[in-house]
C-alpha atoms as a PDB file:
ATOM      1  CA  MET A   1     128.090 178.861  99.929  1.00  0.00           C
ATOM      2  CA  ARG A   2     128.772 177.407  96.483  1.00  0.00           C
ATOM      3  CA  ARG A   3     130.655 174.120  96.169  1.00  0.00           C
ATOM      4  CA  SER A   4     133.029 173.315  93.390  1.00  0.00           C
ATOM      5  CA  PRO A   5     131.776 170.580  91.006  1.00  0.00           C
ATOM      6  CA  SER A   6     135.249 169.010  90.924  1.00  0.00           C
ATOM      7  CA  LEU A   7     135.347 168.836  94.736  1.00  0.00           C
ATOM      8  CA  ALA A   8     131.943 167.115  94.790  1.00  0.00           C
ATOM      9  CA  LEU A   9     133.057 164.667  92.083  1.00  0.00           C
ATOM     10  CA  ALA A  10     136.236 163.865  94.018  1.00  0.00           C
ATOM     11  CA  ALA A  11     134.208 163.182  97.166  1.00  0.00           C
ATOM     12  CA  VAL A  12     131.882 160.809  95.299  1.00  0.00           C
ATOM     13  CA  VAL A  13     134.821 158.943  93.752  1.00  0.00           C
ATOM     14  CA  LEU A  14     136.460 158.565  97.180  1.00  0.00           C
ATOM     15  CA  LEU A  15     133.230 157.226  98.685  1.00  0.00           C
ATOM     16  CA  VAL A  16     132.789 154.679  95.902  1.00  0.00           C
ATOM     17  CA  VAL A  17     136.408 153.510  96.080  1.00  0.00           C
ATOM     18  CA  GLY A  18     136.216 153.292  99.880  1.00  0.00           C
ATOM     19  CA  ALA A  19     133.005 151.244  99.694  1.00  0.00           C
ATOM     20  CA  LEU A  20     134.584 148.820  97.228  1.00  0.00           C
ATOM     21  CA  VAL A  21     137.721 148.395  99.329  1.00  0.00           C
ATOM     22  CA  LEU A  22     135.912 147.975 102.646  1.00  0.00           C
ATOM     23  CA  ARG A  23     132.916 146.047 101.379  1.00  0.00           C
ATOM     24  CA  GLU A  24     131.951 143.075 103.515  1.00  0.00           C
ATOM     25  CA  GLY A  25     128.831 141.096 102.878  1.00  0.00           C
ATOM     26  CA  PRO A  26     127.173 138.261 101.056  1.00  0.00           C
ATOM     27  CA  ASP A  27     128.451 139.334  97.627  1.00  0.00           C
ATOM     28  CA  ASP A  28     132.117 138.949  98.531  1.00  0.00           C
ATOM     29  CA  PRO A  29     134.038 136.375  96.519  1.00  0.00           C
ATOM     30  CA  ALA A  30     134.836 132.984  97.974  1.00  0.00           C
ATOM     31  CA  PRO A  31     137.943 132.801 100.153  1.00  0.00           C
ATOM     32  CA  ARG A  32     141.267 132.226  98.437  1.00  0.00           C
ATOM     33  CA  ALA A  33     141.877 128.528  97.860  1.00  0.00           C
ATOM     34  CA  SER A  34     145.376 128.845  99.338  1.00  0.00           C
ATOM     35  CA  LEU A  35     144.168 130.301 102.644  1.00  0.00           C
ATOM     36  CA  ASP A  36     145.196 128.083 105.561  1.00  0.00           C
ATOM     37  CA  LEU A  37     142.223 127.977 107.935  1.00  0.00           C
ATOM     38  CA  ALA A  38     143.844 125.577 110.438  1.00  0.00           C
ATOM     39  CA  PRO A  39     145.006 128.320 112.856  1.00  0.00           C
ATOM     40  CA  LEU A  40     141.570 129.957 112.833  1.00  0.00           C
ATOM     41  CA  ARG A  41     139.831 126.584 113.267  1.00  0.00           C
ATOM     42  CA  SER A  42     142.061 125.840 116.240  1.00  0.00           C
ATOM     43  CA  ALA A  43     141.422 129.255 117.799  1.00  0.00           C
ATOM     44  CA  ALA A  44     137.643 129.014 117.251  1.00  0.00           C
ATOM     45  CA  ALA A  45     137.510 125.543 118.869  1.00  0.00           C
ATOM     46  CA  LEU A  46     134.082 124.722 117.466  1.00  0.00           C
ATOM     47  CA  GLY A  47     132.376 121.495 118.443  1.00  0.00           C
ATOM     48  CA  PRO A  48     132.057 118.647 115.950  1.00  0.00           C
ATOM     49  CA  CYS A  49     129.254 118.881 113.429  1.00  0.00           C
ATOM     50  CA  PRO A  50     126.337 116.454 113.685  1.00  0.00           C
ATOM     51  CA  PRO A  51     125.907 113.691 111.075  1.00  0.00           C
ATOM     52  CA  GLY A  52     122.651 115.291 109.914  1.00  0.00           C
ATOM     53  CA  LEU A  53     119.742 117.463 110.987  1.00  0.00           C
ATOM     54  CA  GLY A  54     116.556 115.953 109.654  1.00  0.00           C
ATOM     55  CA  PRO A  55     114.199 115.260 106.770  1.00  0.00           C
ATOM     56  CA  GLU A  56     112.772 118.768 106.343  1.00  0.00           C
ATOM     57  CA  LEU A  57     116.023 120.519 105.581  1.00  0.00           C
ATOM     58  CA  PRO A  58     117.324 120.940 102.025  1.00  0.00           C
ATOM     59  CA  ASP A  59     118.749 117.807 100.412  1.00  0.00           C
ATOM     60  CA  LEU A  60     122.416 118.784 100.247  1.00  0.00           C
ATOM     61  CA  GLU A  61     125.785 118.361 101.923  1.00  0.00           C
ATOM     62  CA  LEU A  62     127.434 121.266 103.682  1.00  0.00           C
ATOM     63  CA  PRO A  63     131.005 121.616 104.978  1.00  0.00           C
ATOM     64  CA  CYS A  64     131.599 121.748 108.714  1.00  0.00           C
ATOM     65  CA  LEU A  65     133.035 125.186 109.608  1.00  0.00           C
ATOM     66  CA  GLY A  66     135.255 123.704 112.310  1.00  0.00           C
ATOM     67  CA  GLY A  67     136.630 121.034 109.957  1.00  0.00           C
ATOM     68  CA  GLY A  68     135.776 117.384 109.623  1.00  0.00           C
ATOM     69  CA  PRO A  69     133.476 115.601 107.205  1.00  0.00           C
ATOM     70  CA  ASP A  70     130.726 117.318 105.246  1.00  0.00           C
ATOM     71  CA  VAL A  71     127.216 116.952 106.646  1.00  0.00           C
ATOM     72  CA  ALA A  72     124.368 115.531 104.563  1.00  0.00           C
ATOM     73  CA  LEU A  73     121.529 117.513 106.131  1.00  0.00           C
ATOM     74  CA  ARG A  74     118.912 114.775 105.663  1.00  0.00           C
ATOM     75  CA  ALA A  75     121.249 111.885 106.520  1.00  0.00           C
ATOM     76  CA  ALA A  76     120.261 111.563 110.164  1.00  0.00           C
ATOM     77  CA  ALA A  77     117.958 112.992 112.777  1.00  0.00           C
ATOM     78  CA  PRO A  78     119.691 114.899 115.574  1.00  0.00           C
ATOM     79  CA  GLY A  79     118.447 112.484 118.261  1.00  0.00           C
ATOM     80  CA  ARG A  80     117.671 115.328 120.677  1.00  0.00           C
ATOM     81  CA  PRO A  81     115.925 118.702 120.457  1.00  0.00           C
ATOM     82  CA  THR A  82     118.009 121.014 118.298  1.00  0.00           C
ATOM     83  CA  LEU A  83     118.093 124.735 117.634  1.00  0.00           C
ATOM     84  CA  VAL A  84     119.477 125.625 114.183  1.00  0.00           C
ATOM     85  CA  ASN A  85     120.508 129.269 113.796  1.00  0.00           C
ATOM     86  CA  VAL A  86     121.177 130.672 110.301  1.00  0.00           C
ATOM     87  CA  TRP A  87     123.664 133.525 110.668  1.00  0.00           C
ATOM     88  CA  ALA A  88     126.414 135.572 108.993  1.00  0.00           C
ATOM     89  CA  SER A  89     129.272 137.699 110.278  1.00  0.00           C
ATOM     90  CA  TRP A  90     128.013 140.671 108.236  1.00  0.00           C
ATOM     91  CA  CYS A  91     124.517 140.444 109.782  1.00  0.00           C
ATOM     92  CA  VAL A  92     124.009 143.091 112.503  1.00  0.00           C
ATOM     93  CA  PRO A  93     121.049 141.303 114.183  1.00  0.00           C
ATOM     94  CA  CYS A  94     123.192 138.124 114.286  1.00  0.00           C
ATOM     95  CA  VAL A  95     125.855 140.046 116.200  1.00  0.00           C
ATOM     96  CA  ASP A  96     123.179 141.293 118.589  1.00  0.00           C
ATOM     97  CA  GLU A  97     121.794 137.835 119.390  1.00  0.00           C
ATOM     98  CA  VAL A  98     124.978 135.747 119.529  1.00  0.00           C
ATOM     99  CA  PRO A  99     125.752 136.389 123.230  1.00  0.00           C
ATOM    100  CA  ASP A 100     122.329 134.948 124.098  1.00  0.00           C
ATOM    101  CA  LEU A 101     122.920 131.882 121.901  1.00  0.00           C
ATOM    102  CA  VAL A 102     126.334 131.322 123.514  1.00  0.00           C
ATOM    103  CA  ALA A 103     124.767 131.632 126.988  1.00  0.00           C
ATOM    104  CA  LEU A 104     121.969 129.235 125.989  1.00  0.00           C
ATOM    105  CA  ALA A 105     124.483 126.660 124.737  1.00  0.00           C
ATOM    106  CA  ALA A 106     126.434 126.842 127.999  1.00  0.00           C
ATOM    107  CA  LYS A 107     123.279 126.527 130.081  1.00  0.00           C
ATOM    108  CA  ALA A 108     121.678 123.741 128.008  1.00  0.00           C
ATOM    109  CA  GLY A 109     124.509 121.217 128.187  1.00  0.00           C
ATOM    110  CA  ASP A 110     123.382 117.933 126.608  1.00  0.00           C
ATOM    111  CA  ARG A 111     119.642 118.682 126.846  1.00  0.00           C
ATOM    112  CA  LEU A 112     119.640 120.797 123.687  1.00  0.00           C
ATOM    113  CA  ALA A 113     121.894 120.823 120.626  1.00  0.00           C
ATOM    114  CA  ILE A 114     122.695 124.109 118.921  1.00  0.00           C
ATOM    115  CA  VAL A 115     123.977 124.174 115.352  1.00  0.00           C
ATOM    116  CA  GLY A 116     124.749 127.271 113.320  1.00  0.00           C
ATOM    117  CA  VAL A 117     124.500 127.612 109.558  1.00  0.00           C
ATOM    118  CA  LEU A 118     126.894 130.247 108.208  1.00  0.00           C
ATOM    119  CA  ASN A 119     124.990 131.862 105.340  1.00  0.00           C
ATOM    120  CA  THR A 120     126.688 133.398 102.261  1.00  0.00           C
ATOM    121  CA  ASP A 121     129.826 134.369 104.125  1.00  0.00           C
ATOM    122  CA  THR A 122     133.461 133.341 104.057  1.00  0.00           C
ATOM    123  CA  GLU A 123     134.802 130.600 106.291  1.00  0.00           C
ATOM    124  CA  GLU A 124     137.594 132.942 107.386  1.00  0.00           C
ATOM    125  CA  ARG A 125     135.147 135.574 108.673  1.00  0.00           C
ATOM    126  CA  GLY A 126     132.867 132.908 110.162  1.00  0.00           C
ATOM    127  CA  LEU A 127     135.740 131.362 112.112  1.00  0.00           C
ATOM    128  CA  ALA A 128     137.026 134.754 113.297  1.00  0.00           C
ATOM    129  CA  PHE A 129     133.487 135.696 114.380  1.00  0.00           C
ATOM    130  CA  SER A 130     133.102 132.397 116.251  1.00  0.00           C
ATOM    131  CA  ARG A 131     136.467 132.900 117.963  1.00  0.00           C
ATOM    132  CA  ASP A 132     135.752 136.512 118.891  1.00  0.00           C
ATOM    133  CA  PHE A 133     132.276 135.805 120.326  1.00  0.00           C
ATOM    134  CA  GLY A 134     133.158 132.559 122.116  1.00  0.00           C
ATOM    135  CA  ILE A 135     130.888 130.373 119.982  1.00  0.00           C
ATOM    136  CA  ARG A 136     131.718 126.727 120.647  1.00  0.00           C
ATOM    137  CA  TYR A 137     128.706 124.999 119.097  1.00  0.00           C
ATOM    138  CA  PRO A 138     129.240 123.711 115.547  1.00  0.00           C
ATOM    139  CA  SER A 139     128.319 125.541 112.371  1.00  0.00           C
ATOM    140  CA  LEU A 140     127.826 124.385 108.806  1.00  0.00           C
ATOM    141  CA  VAL A 141     128.852 126.493 105.802  1.00  0.00           C
ATOM    142  CA  ASP A 142     126.068 127.307 103.326  1.00  0.00           C
ATOM    143  CA  ASP A 143     127.803 129.379 100.635  1.00  0.00           C
ATOM    144  CA  GLY A 144     124.767 129.287  98.377  1.00  0.00           C
ATOM    145  CA  GLY A 145     122.157 130.204 101.001  1.00  0.00           C
ATOM    146  CA  ALA A 146     119.970 127.117 100.366  1.00  0.00           C
ATOM    147  CA  VAL A 147     118.887 126.748 103.996  1.00  0.00           C
ATOM    148  CA  LEU A 148     117.874 130.397 104.211  1.00  0.00           C
ATOM    149  CA  ARG A 149     115.923 130.131 100.937  1.00  0.00           C
ATOM    150  CA  ALA A 150     114.056 127.145 102.389  1.00  0.00           C
ATOM    151  CA  PHE A 151     113.271 129.030 105.632  1.00  0.00           C
ATOM    152  CA  PRO A 152     113.124 132.763 104.842  1.00  0.00           C
ATOM    153  CA  PRO A 153     113.525 135.581 105.776  1.00  0.00           C
ATOM    154  CA  GLY A 154     116.739 136.379 107.516  1.00  0.00           C
ATOM    155  CA  PRO A 155     119.426 136.083 108.598  1.00  0.00           C
ATOM    156  CA  PRO A 156     119.042 135.474 111.363  1.00  0.00           C
ATOM    157  CA  VAL A 157     116.405 132.795 111.271  1.00  0.00           C
ATOM    158  CA  THR A 158     116.180 130.038 113.859  1.00  0.00           C
ATOM    159  CA  LEU A 159     114.686 126.582 113.375  1.00  0.00           C
ATOM    160  CA  PHE A 160     113.474 124.480 116.289  1.00  0.00           C
ATOM    161  CA  LEU A 161     113.852 120.762 115.487  1.00  0.00           C
ATOM    162  CA  ASP A 162     112.465 117.929 117.563  1.00  0.00           C
ATOM    163  CA  ALA A 163     114.611 114.859 118.231  1.00  0.00           C
ATOM    164  CA  SER A 164     113.426 113.262 114.980  1.00  0.00           C
ATOM    165  CA  GLY A 165     114.589 116.300 112.990  1.00  0.00           C
ATOM    166  CA  HIS A 166     111.161 117.747 112.170  1.00  0.00           C
ATOM    167  CA  VAL A 167     110.938 121.526 112.140  1.00  0.00           C
ATOM    168  CA  VAL A 168     108.342 122.359 114.790  1.00  0.00           C
ATOM    169  CA  ALA A 169     108.785 126.154 114.635  1.00  0.00           C
ATOM    170  CA  THR A 170     110.810 128.915 113.024  1.00  0.00           C
ATOM    171  CA  GLU A 171     111.615 132.357 114.384  1.00  0.00           C
ATOM    172  CA  SER A 172     112.937 135.205 112.264  1.00  0.00           C
ATOM    173  CA  GLY A 173     115.009 138.083 113.555  1.00  0.00           C
ATOM    174  CA  ALA A 174     117.219 138.491 116.585  1.00  0.00           C
ATOM    175  CA  PHE A 175     116.124 137.430 120.051  1.00  0.00           C
ATOM    176  CA  SER A 176     115.735 140.282 122.517  1.00  0.00           C
ATOM    177  CA  ASP A 177     117.449 138.454 125.364  1.00  0.00           C
ATOM    178  CA  LEU A 178     118.267 135.065 126.900  1.00  0.00           C
ATOM    179  CA  ALA A 179     114.904 134.904 128.698  1.00  0.00           C
ATOM    180  CA  GLU A 180     113.030 135.140 125.389  1.00  0.00           C
ATOM    181  CA  LEU A 181     115.223 132.444 123.879  1.00  0.00           C
ATOM    182  CA  GLU A 182     114.701 130.125 126.856  1.00  0.00           C
ATOM    183  CA  ALA A 183     110.931 130.681 126.683  1.00  0.00           C
ATOM    184  CA  LEU A 184     110.882 129.766 122.981  1.00  0.00           C
ATOM    185  CA  VAL A 185     112.959 126.628 123.587  1.00  0.00           C
ATOM    186  CA  SER A 186     110.536 125.614 126.334  1.00  0.00           C
ATOM    187  CA  ARG A 187     107.448 126.338 124.224  1.00  0.00           C
ATOM    188  CA  HIS A 188     108.628 124.783 120.950  1.00  0.00           C
ATOM    189  CA  LEU A 189     110.840 121.934 122.189  1.00  0.00           C
ATOM    190  CA  GLY A 190     109.675 121.242 125.725  1.00  0.00           C
ATOM    191  CA  VAL A 191     113.157 121.827 127.133  1.00  0.00           C
ATOM    192  CA  THR A 192     113.176 123.926 130.293  1.00  0.00           C
ATOM    193  CA  LEU A 193     116.498 125.479 131.248  1.00  0.00           C
END
């Protein structure tokens, strides 16, 4: 069966236009300055961001996704073992692992802090993702991807920080389940859940 060249060209044009209209990913432009994020922040109900994370993270300030003051990453140590997860709403492995991170946060209570770093994504999508998946731990917004460049590859990539903020281990890729995540927290941070 012979296809018409004009039909093939029309199909290609439709695919390209559709991809441009529906594109979601790290190359998207920054959110509109006039966008009111207050309703999304309220619905997401993220915890407050920490004052800092530790001396081995990049020397920069990042906005708190849930609102509040910017966080100078090196300004303070977390004061307790901390898991830092670099993620994005467009990242399929991040979607796969987030239920386990949410379950870990609920189970850990005050014994372990969990902080997300939204990587090259919009605040609007990050807040909607947090709301939709029940994420309550805080996240920082890293538009430029500096944290990921310092600890590649990913996303996702997870940093295990001791109470003084030193990175004792990194894990790249999604966790297979909550049991694996708990085992890594026990091994790297000495916190048994």
